[in-house]
Amino acid sequence: MPNILYYSRIRSTNVEQIDDQELVSTCHLHDSMQDAWVRIHVRLPELEILSAEGKFARFGHQDCERIGEALEQMKGVRIGAGIKKIIRGLTAETTTCAELPVLVEECCHSVILSFTKEALKDAPRKEEQSREYFKQMLKKNIRLYNSCAVFSPGSPLVEGVEPP
């Protein structure tokens, strides 16, 4: 019987509101070669990261062994415009683990998107109306820019919107 390569990947993120002042966002990554999670605690309404923790239980290289120091540097960062650059800069100072900034970014994007769920329920159902609705939503909250595929560069919804 021939050898068949098997690979699967699951990445999921969830946001839980602890109280009026705090959210917790957790991102899990599980694939054939690695198993990891990152969790951030965020203060409202400032969207300031209070703490970050995580663990790489199974990974393909040694770079992800010591991520605690990199996650500690996330404390005090505010989620908003330029967050990707900030995360990549801070994590690069202490680790070369390429997956860590991706997981932290996913947590931050989920926090931002968690504030849109009520607006999504009110979105018009007709395509033309919904396009304009989401375009206006993006203009009102530029933090949504590039936070998911719908609001990423190249999407018709971001035409005419200046990136942060």
N, C-alpha and C. Protein backbone atom coordinates (compact mmCIF):
# COMPACT_ATOMS: atom_id res chain seq x y z
N MET A 1 0.85 -1.18 0.00
CA MET A 1 0.00 0.00 0.00
C MET A 1 0.90 1.24 0.00
N PRO A 2 0.59 2.21 -0.83
CA PRO A 2 1.44 3.41 -0.89
C PRO A 2 1.26 4.27 0.36
N ASN A 3 2.31 5.01 0.67
CA ASN A 3 2.22 5.95 1.79
C ASN A 3 1.43 7.18 1.34
N ILE A 4 0.45 7.53 2.11
CA ILE A 4 -0.39 8.67 1.79
C ILE A 4 -0.18 9.72 2.87
N LEU A 5 0.18 10.90 2.44
CA LEU A 5 0.38 12.00 3.37
C LEU A 5 -0.97 12.49 3.85
N TYR A 6 -1.10 12.62 5.14
CA TYR A 6 -2.34 13.10 5.74
C TYR A 6 -2.03 14.36 6.52
N TYR A 7 -2.77 15.42 6.25
CA TYR A 7 -2.58 16.67 6.97
C TYR A 7 -3.94 17.33 7.16
N SER A 8 -4.17 17.81 8.36
CA SER A 8 -5.40 18.57 8.62
C SER A 8 -5.06 19.72 9.56
N ARG A 9 -5.85 20.77 9.47
CA ARG A 9 -5.62 21.94 10.32
C ARG A 9 -6.96 22.51 10.75
N ILE A 10 -7.03 22.81 12.02
CA ILE A 10 -8.21 23.46 12.59
C ILE A 10 -7.71 24.64 13.42
N ARG A 11 -8.24 25.81 13.11
CA ARG A 11 -7.93 26.99 13.92
C ARG A 11 -9.27 27.60 14.31
N SER A 12 -9.46 27.78 15.58
CA SER A 12 -10.72 28.36 16.05
C SER A 12 -10.43 29.42 17.10
N THR A 13 -11.31 30.39 17.15
CA THR A 13 -11.16 31.49 18.10
C THR A 13 -12.51 31.77 18.72
N ASN A 14 -12.50 32.03 20.01
CA ASN A 14 -13.75 32.42 20.66
C ASN A 14 -13.50 33.60 21.60
N VAL A 15 -14.56 34.35 21.83
CA VAL A 15 -14.50 35.51 22.72
C VAL A 15 -15.59 35.35 23.75
N GLU A 16 -15.22 35.57 25.00
CA GLU A 16 -16.18 35.47 26.09
C GLU A 16 -16.14 36.77 26.89
N GLN A 17 -17.31 37.31 27.15
CA GLN A 17 -17.39 38.52 27.96
C GLN A 17 -17.49 38.09 29.42
N ILE A 18 -16.47 38.45 30.20
CA ILE A 18 -16.42 38.08 31.62
C ILE A 18 -17.37 38.97 32.42
N ASP A 19 -17.27 40.28 32.20
CA ASP A 19 -18.16 41.25 32.85
C ASP A 19 -18.16 42.52 31.98
N ASP A 20 -18.67 43.62 32.51
CA ASP A 20 -18.75 44.86 31.73
C ASP A 20 -17.38 45.43 31.42
N GLN A 21 -16.36 44.99 32.11
CA GLN A 21 -15.02 45.56 31.98
C GLN A 21 -14.01 44.65 31.30
N GLU A 22 -14.36 43.39 31.01
CA GLU A 22 -13.33 42.47 30.53
C GLU A 22 -13.86 41.43 29.54
N LEU A 23 -13.05 41.19 28.51
CA LEU A 23 -13.28 40.12 27.54
C LEU A 23 -12.09 39.17 27.58
N VAL A 24 -12.33 37.92 27.23
CA VAL A 24 -11.25 36.95 27.07
C VAL A 24 -11.38 36.36 25.68
N SER A 25 -10.29 36.40 24.93
CA SER A 25 -10.27 35.83 23.58
C SER A 25 -9.24 34.72 23.55
N THR A 26 -9.64 33.57 23.02
CA THR A 26 -8.75 32.41 22.96
C THR A 26 -8.71 31.88 21.54
N CYS A 27 -7.51 31.61 21.06
CA CYS A 27 -7.32 31.03 19.73
C CYS A 27 -6.61 29.69 19.89
N HIS A 28 -7.20 28.65 19.29
CA HIS A 28 -6.62 27.31 19.31
C HIS A 28 -6.16 26.96 17.90
N LEU A 29 -5.01 26.34 17.81
CA LEU A 29 -4.50 25.83 16.54
C LEU A 29 -4.14 24.38 16.74
N HIS A 30 -4.74 23.55 15.93
CA HIS A 30 -4.46 22.11 16.01
C HIS A 30 -4.29 21.60 14.58
N ASP A 31 -3.14 21.06 14.30
CA ASP A 31 -2.95 20.41 13.00
C ASP A 31 -2.10 19.16 13.20
N SER A 32 -1.74 18.53 12.11
CA SER A 32 -1.02 17.27 12.18
C SER A 32 0.35 17.39 12.84
N MET A 33 0.90 18.60 12.87
CA MET A 33 2.24 18.77 13.42
C MET A 33 2.32 19.62 14.68
N GLN A 34 1.27 20.37 14.97
CA GLN A 34 1.34 21.24 16.14
C GLN A 34 -0.01 21.38 16.83
N ASP A 35 0.09 21.71 18.10
CA ASP A 35 -1.09 21.93 18.92
C ASP A 35 -0.76 23.10 19.83
N ALA A 36 -1.51 24.19 19.72
CA ALA A 36 -1.17 25.40 20.47
C ALA A 36 -2.43 26.19 20.79
N TRP A 37 -2.30 27.06 21.79
CA TRP A 37 -3.37 28.00 22.12
C TRP A 37 -2.76 29.27 22.70
N VAL A 38 -3.48 30.37 22.51
CA VAL A 38 -3.13 31.67 23.08
C VAL A 38 -4.41 32.29 23.61
N ARG A 39 -4.31 32.92 24.77
CA ARG A 39 -5.47 33.59 25.38
C ARG A 39 -5.06 34.99 25.81
N ILE A 40 -5.91 35.96 25.49
CA ILE A 40 -5.66 37.33 25.95
C ILE A 40 -6.87 37.82 26.74
N HIS A 41 -6.58 38.58 27.80
CA HIS A 41 -7.61 39.24 28.60
C HIS A 41 -7.57 40.71 28.20
N VAL A 42 -8.75 41.27 27.88
CA VAL A 42 -8.83 42.62 27.35
C VAL A 42 -9.75 43.47 28.21
N ARG A 43 -9.27 44.67 28.57
CA ARG A 43 -10.08 45.62 29.34
C ARG A 43 -10.93 46.45 28.39
N LEU A 44 -12.20 46.61 28.78
CA LEU A 44 -13.12 47.44 28.02
C LEU A 44 -13.27 48.78 28.71
N PRO A 45 -13.56 49.83 28.05
CA PRO A 45 -13.75 49.99 26.61
C PRO A 45 -12.46 50.32 25.87
N GLU A 46 -11.34 50.40 26.57
CA GLU A 46 -10.07 50.82 25.96
C GLU A 46 -9.49 49.78 25.01
N LEU A 47 -9.94 48.53 25.11
CA LEU A 47 -9.39 47.40 24.37
C LEU A 47 -7.90 47.22 24.66
N GLU A 48 -7.55 47.37 25.92
CA GLU A 48 -6.17 47.21 26.37
C GLU A 48 -5.96 45.76 26.81
N ILE A 49 -4.88 45.16 26.34
CA ILE A 49 -4.56 43.79 26.73
C ILE A 49 -4.03 43.81 28.16
N LEU A 50 -4.75 43.14 29.05
CA LEU A 50 -4.37 43.06 30.46
C LEU A 50 -3.33 41.97 30.69
N SER A 51 -3.50 40.85 30.00
CA SER A 51 -2.56 39.74 30.12
C SER A 51 -2.68 38.84 28.91
N ALA A 52 -1.65 38.05 28.69
CA ALA A 52 -1.65 37.08 27.59
C ALA A 52 -0.92 35.84 28.06
N GLU A 53 -1.45 34.71 27.68
CA GLU A 53 -0.83 33.44 28.03
C GLU A 53 -1.02 32.47 26.88
N GLY A 54 -0.26 31.43 26.88
CA GLY A 54 -0.41 30.45 25.81
C GLY A 54 0.50 29.26 26.02
N LYS A 55 0.31 28.28 25.16
CA LYS A 55 1.12 27.07 25.25
C LYS A 55 1.20 26.40 23.89
N PHE A 56 2.37 25.99 23.53
CA PHE A 56 2.59 25.17 22.35
C PHE A 56 2.89 23.77 22.87
N ALA A 57 1.88 22.91 22.86
CA ALA A 57 2.03 21.57 23.42
C ALA A 57 2.77 20.64 22.47
N ARG A 58 2.58 20.84 21.19
CA ARG A 58 3.25 20.02 20.18
C ARG A 58 3.62 20.94 19.03
N PHE A 59 4.86 20.94 18.63
CA PHE A 59 5.29 21.83 17.57
C PHE A 59 6.50 21.22 16.87
N GLY A 60 6.74 21.69 15.67
CA GLY A 60 7.78 21.09 14.83
C GLY A 60 9.18 21.61 15.05
N HIS A 61 9.33 22.70 15.81
CA HIS A 61 10.66 23.26 16.00
C HIS A 61 10.80 23.88 17.38
N GLN A 62 12.01 24.10 17.81
CA GLN A 62 12.32 24.57 19.15
C GLN A 62 11.95 26.04 19.38
N ASP A 63 11.71 26.80 18.32
CA ASP A 63 11.44 28.23 18.44
C ASP A 63 10.24 28.55 19.32
N CYS A 64 9.32 27.61 19.44
CA CYS A 64 8.07 27.89 20.16
C CYS A 64 8.08 27.37 21.59
N GLU A 65 9.24 26.97 22.08
CA GLU A 65 9.32 26.46 23.45
C GLU A 65 9.05 27.53 24.49
N ARG A 66 9.70 28.68 24.34
CA ARG A 66 9.61 29.73 25.36
C ARG A 66 8.88 30.95 24.80
N ILE A 67 7.56 30.92 24.89
CA ILE A 67 6.76 32.03 24.36
C ILE A 67 6.26 32.96 25.45
N GLY A 68 6.45 32.56 26.69
CA GLY A 68 5.93 33.34 27.82
C GLY A 68 6.42 34.77 27.85
N GLU A 69 7.71 34.96 27.59
CA GLU A 69 8.27 36.32 27.62
C GLU A 69 7.66 37.18 26.51
N ALA A 70 7.48 36.60 25.33
CA ALA A 70 6.88 37.34 24.22
C ALA A 70 5.43 37.71 24.54
N LEU A 71 4.70 36.79 25.15
CA LEU A 71 3.31 37.07 25.50
C LEU A 71 3.22 38.12 26.62
N GLU A 72 4.18 38.11 27.53
CA GLU A 72 4.21 39.10 28.60
C GLU A 72 4.32 40.51 28.03
N GLN A 73 5.00 40.66 26.90
CA GLN A 73 5.17 41.98 26.29
C GLN A 73 3.87 42.52 25.69
N MET A 74 2.87 41.68 25.52
CA MET A 74 1.59 42.13 24.98
C MET A 74 0.81 42.96 26.00
N LYS A 75 1.17 42.82 27.27
CA LYS A 75 0.47 43.54 28.34
C LYS A 75 0.56 45.05 28.11
N GLY A 76 -0.60 45.71 28.11
CA GLY A 76 -0.67 47.15 27.94
C GLY A 76 -0.90 47.60 26.50
N VAL A 77 -0.79 46.70 25.54
CA VAL A 77 -1.02 47.04 24.14
C VAL A 77 -2.52 47.24 23.93
N ARG A 78 -2.87 48.26 23.16
CA ARG A 78 -4.28 48.52 22.84
C ARG A 78 -4.59 47.96 21.46
N ILE A 79 -5.69 47.25 21.38
CA ILE A 79 -6.12 46.67 20.11
C ILE A 79 -6.71 47.78 19.26
N GLY A 80 -6.20 47.93 18.06
CA GLY A 80 -6.68 48.96 17.15
C GLY A 80 -5.80 49.03 15.93
N ALA A 81 -5.79 50.17 15.30
CA ALA A 81 -5.02 50.36 14.08
C ALA A 81 -3.55 50.06 14.34
N GLY A 82 -2.92 49.33 13.44
CA GLY A 82 -1.51 49.00 13.55
C GLY A 82 -1.20 47.83 14.46
N ILE A 83 -2.22 47.12 14.92
CA ILE A 83 -2.00 46.04 15.88
C ILE A 83 -1.11 44.93 15.32
N LYS A 84 -1.24 44.62 14.04
CA LYS A 84 -0.41 43.56 13.45
C LYS A 84 1.07 43.91 13.55
N LYS A 85 1.40 45.13 13.20
CA LYS A 85 2.80 45.57 13.23
C LYS A 85 3.33 45.55 14.66
N ILE A 86 2.52 46.00 15.59
CA ILE A 86 2.92 46.01 17.00
C ILE A 86 3.18 44.59 17.50
N ILE A 87 2.25 43.69 17.21
CA ILE A 87 2.39 42.30 17.65
C ILE A 87 3.65 41.67 17.06
N ARG A 88 3.83 41.82 15.78
CA ARG A 88 5.01 41.23 15.12
C ARG A 88 6.30 41.82 15.67
N GLY A 89 6.31 43.11 15.93
CA GLY A 89 7.51 43.75 16.48
C GLY A 89 7.83 43.25 17.88
N LEU A 90 6.82 43.18 18.74
CA LEU A 90 7.04 42.76 20.12
C LEU A 90 7.42 41.28 20.22
N THR A 91 6.76 40.43 19.45
CA THR A 91 7.10 39.01 19.55
C THR A 91 8.46 38.71 18.93
N ALA A 92 8.84 39.46 17.90
CA ALA A 92 10.13 39.24 17.25
C ALA A 92 11.30 39.57 18.17
N GLU A 93 11.07 40.42 19.18
CA GLU A 93 12.14 40.78 20.11
C GLU A 93 12.59 39.60 20.96
N THR A 94 11.67 38.65 21.21
CA THR A 94 12.00 37.58 22.17
C THR A 94 11.87 36.16 21.62
N THR A 95 11.24 35.98 20.46
CA THR A 95 11.09 34.63 19.92
C THR A 95 11.05 34.66 18.40
N THR A 96 11.43 33.56 17.79
CA THR A 96 11.32 33.43 16.34
C THR A 96 10.19 32.48 15.97
N CYS A 97 9.34 32.20 16.92
CA CYS A 97 8.18 31.33 16.69
C CYS A 97 7.21 32.03 15.75
N ALA A 98 7.13 31.57 14.51
CA ALA A 98 6.32 32.23 13.48
C ALA A 98 4.82 32.13 13.74
N GLU A 99 4.39 31.11 14.44
CA GLU A 99 2.96 30.91 14.68
C GLU A 99 2.42 31.80 15.79
N LEU A 100 3.27 32.23 16.72
CA LEU A 100 2.80 33.00 17.86
C LEU A 100 2.12 34.31 17.46
N PRO A 101 2.73 35.16 16.64
CA PRO A 101 2.03 36.40 16.30
C PRO A 101 0.72 36.16 15.57
N VAL A 102 0.63 35.10 14.81
CA VAL A 102 -0.62 34.78 14.09
C VAL A 102 -1.73 34.48 15.09
N LEU A 103 -1.42 33.71 16.12
CA LEU A 103 -2.44 33.38 17.12
C LEU A 103 -2.86 34.61 17.92
N VAL A 104 -1.90 35.44 18.28
CA VAL A 104 -2.23 36.68 19.02
C VAL A 104 -3.09 37.59 18.14
N GLU A 105 -2.73 37.72 16.86
CA GLU A 105 -3.53 38.54 15.93
C GLU A 105 -4.95 38.02 15.83
N GLU A 106 -5.10 36.72 15.73
CA GLU A 106 -6.44 36.13 15.65
C GLU A 106 -7.27 36.47 16.88
N CYS A 107 -6.64 36.42 18.05
CA CYS A 107 -7.35 36.80 19.27
C CYS A 107 -7.82 38.26 19.19
N CYS A 108 -6.93 39.14 18.74
CA CYS A 108 -7.27 40.56 18.63
C CYS A 108 -8.38 40.80 17.61
N HIS A 109 -8.28 40.14 16.46
CA HIS A 109 -9.31 40.30 15.44
C HIS A 109 -10.67 39.82 15.95
N SER A 110 -10.66 38.76 16.72
CA SER A 110 -11.92 38.25 17.26
C SER A 110 -12.56 39.22 18.24
N VAL A 111 -11.72 39.89 19.01
CA VAL A 111 -12.25 40.91 19.92
C VAL A 111 -12.95 41.99 19.11
N ILE A 112 -12.29 42.47 18.07
CA ILE A 112 -12.87 43.52 17.23
C ILE A 112 -14.18 43.03 16.60
N LEU A 113 -14.14 41.84 16.03
CA LEU A 113 -15.34 41.32 15.36
C LEU A 113 -16.48 41.02 16.32
N SER A 114 -16.17 40.78 17.60
CA SER A 114 -17.24 40.49 18.56
C SER A 114 -18.17 41.67 18.74
N PHE A 115 -17.68 42.87 18.44
CA PHE A 115 -18.53 44.06 18.56
C PHE A 115 -19.43 44.26 17.35
N THR A 116 -19.27 43.45 16.33
CA THR A 116 -20.09 43.61 15.12
C THR A 116 -21.26 42.65 15.06
N LYS A 117 -21.35 41.72 15.97
CA LYS A 117 -22.38 40.68 15.85
C LYS A 117 -23.80 41.24 15.85
N GLU A 118 -24.08 42.26 16.66
CA GLU A 118 -25.41 42.86 16.66
C GLU A 118 -25.69 43.56 15.34
N ALA A 119 -24.68 44.24 14.81
CA ALA A 119 -24.84 44.93 13.52
C ALA A 119 -25.08 43.92 12.40
N LEU A 120 -24.46 42.76 12.50
CA LEU A 120 -24.65 41.74 11.47
C LEU A 120 -26.09 41.22 11.45
N LYS A 121 -26.69 41.15 12.61
CA LYS A 121 -28.09 40.70 12.68
C LYS A 121 -29.03 41.68 11.98
N ASP A 122 -28.67 42.97 12.00
CA ASP A 122 -29.52 44.01 11.41
C ASP A 122 -29.23 44.26 9.93
N ALA A 123 -28.27 43.55 9.36
CA ALA A 123 -27.86 43.79 7.97
C ALA A 123 -29.00 43.46 7.00
N PRO A 124 -29.16 44.27 5.97
CA PRO A 124 -30.18 43.98 4.95
C PRO A 124 -29.86 42.66 4.24
N ARG A 125 -30.88 41.99 3.76
CA ARG A 125 -30.70 40.70 3.10
C ARG A 125 -30.40 40.82 1.61
N LYS A 126 -30.83 41.90 0.98
CA LYS A 126 -30.60 42.07 -0.45
C LYS A 126 -29.14 42.47 -0.68
N GLU A 127 -28.54 41.89 -1.74
CA GLU A 127 -27.11 42.04 -1.96
C GLU A 127 -26.63 43.49 -2.06
N GLU A 128 -27.29 44.29 -2.88
CA GLU A 128 -26.85 45.67 -3.06
C GLU A 128 -26.97 46.47 -1.77
N GLN A 129 -28.06 46.28 -1.06
CA GLN A 129 -28.26 46.99 0.19
C GLN A 129 -27.25 46.53 1.24
N SER A 130 -26.98 45.23 1.27
CA SER A 130 -26.05 44.72 2.27
C SER A 130 -24.62 45.19 1.98
N ARG A 131 -24.25 45.30 0.71
CA ARG A 131 -22.92 45.81 0.37
C ARG A 131 -22.72 47.22 0.90
N GLU A 132 -23.69 48.06 0.65
CA GLU A 132 -23.60 49.45 1.12
C GLU A 132 -23.61 49.50 2.65
N TYR A 133 -24.41 48.66 3.27
CA TYR A 133 -24.49 48.60 4.73
C TYR A 133 -23.12 48.27 5.33
N PHE A 134 -22.46 47.24 4.79
CA PHE A 134 -21.16 46.82 5.32
C PHE A 134 -20.06 47.82 4.99
N LYS A 135 -20.17 48.47 3.85
CA LYS A 135 -19.20 49.50 3.50
C LYS A 135 -19.28 50.66 4.51
N GLN A 136 -20.49 51.06 4.85
CA GLN A 136 -20.68 52.12 5.85
C GLN A 136 -20.20 51.66 7.24
N MET A 137 -20.44 50.41 7.55
CA MET A 137 -19.99 49.84 8.82
C MET A 137 -18.46 49.94 8.92
N LEU A 138 -17.78 49.62 7.84
CA LEU A 138 -16.32 49.70 7.80
C LEU A 138 -15.84 51.14 7.95
N LYS A 139 -16.51 52.07 7.28
CA LYS A 139 -16.12 53.48 7.38
C LYS A 139 -16.29 54.00 8.81
N LYS A 140 -17.33 53.53 9.50
CA LYS A 140 -17.57 53.96 10.88
C LYS A 140 -16.58 53.35 11.86
N ASN A 141 -16.12 52.13 11.57
CA ASN A 141 -15.20 51.43 12.46
C ASN A 141 -14.04 50.89 11.64
N ILE A 142 -13.04 51.72 11.40
CA ILE A 142 -11.92 51.36 10.55
C ILE A 142 -11.10 50.21 11.14
N ARG A 143 -11.29 49.89 12.41
CA ARG A 143 -10.60 48.74 13.02
C ARG A 143 -10.97 47.43 12.34
N LEU A 144 -12.11 47.43 11.66
CA LEU A 144 -12.53 46.22 10.95
C LEU A 144 -11.70 45.95 9.70
N TYR A 145 -11.01 46.99 9.20
CA TYR A 145 -10.23 46.84 7.97
C TYR A 145 -9.21 45.72 8.13
N ASN A 146 -9.23 44.78 7.20
CA ASN A 146 -8.32 43.64 7.15
C ASN A 146 -8.43 42.72 8.37
N SER A 147 -9.57 42.74 9.04
CA SER A 147 -9.77 41.87 10.20
C SER A 147 -10.36 40.52 9.81
N CYS A 148 -10.88 40.44 8.59
CA CYS A 148 -11.40 39.17 8.07
C CYS A 148 -11.44 39.28 6.55
N ALA A 149 -11.78 38.21 5.88
CA ALA A 149 -11.76 38.18 4.42
C ALA A 149 -12.69 39.22 3.81
N VAL A 150 -13.82 39.45 4.40
CA VAL A 150 -14.80 40.38 3.87
C VAL A 150 -14.26 41.82 3.83
N PHE A 151 -13.49 42.17 4.84
CA PHE A 151 -12.95 43.53 4.93
C PHE A 151 -11.47 43.60 4.55
N SER A 152 -10.98 42.64 3.79
CA SER A 152 -9.57 42.62 3.41
C SER A 152 -9.35 43.36 2.09
N PRO A 153 -8.11 43.80 1.84
CA PRO A 153 -7.83 44.49 0.57
C PRO A 153 -8.23 43.62 -0.62
N GLY A 154 -8.83 44.24 -1.60
CA GLY A 154 -9.30 43.51 -2.78
C GLY A 154 -10.79 43.19 -2.72
N SER A 155 -11.37 43.25 -1.55
CA SER A 155 -12.80 43.00 -1.40
C SER A 155 -13.57 44.21 -1.91
N PRO A 156 -14.71 43.99 -2.57
CA PRO A 156 -15.51 45.12 -3.05
C PRO A 156 -15.99 46.03 -1.93
N LEU A 157 -16.04 45.52 -0.71
CA LEU A 157 -16.52 46.33 0.41
C LEU A 157 -15.50 47.38 0.86
N VAL A 158 -14.23 47.18 0.52
CA VAL A 158 -13.23 48.15 0.95
C VAL A 158 -12.85 49.16 -0.12
N GLU A 159 -13.49 49.07 -1.28
CA GLU A 159 -13.22 50.04 -2.35
C GLU A 159 -13.56 51.44 -1.86
N GLY A 160 -12.61 52.34 -2.01
CA GLY A 160 -12.81 53.73 -1.62
C GLY A 160 -12.57 53.99 -0.14
N VAL A 161 -12.18 52.98 0.61
CA VAL A 161 -11.89 53.16 2.04
C VAL A 161 -10.38 53.20 2.20
N GLU A 162 -9.90 54.24 2.86
CA GLU A 162 -8.46 54.38 3.11
C GLU A 162 -8.04 53.47 4.26
N PRO A 163 -7.03 52.62 4.04
CA PRO A 163 -6.57 51.75 5.14
C PRO A 163 -5.91 52.57 6.24
N PRO A 164 -5.97 52.07 7.46
CA PRO A 164 -5.36 52.81 8.59
C PRO A 164 -3.84 52.80 8.48
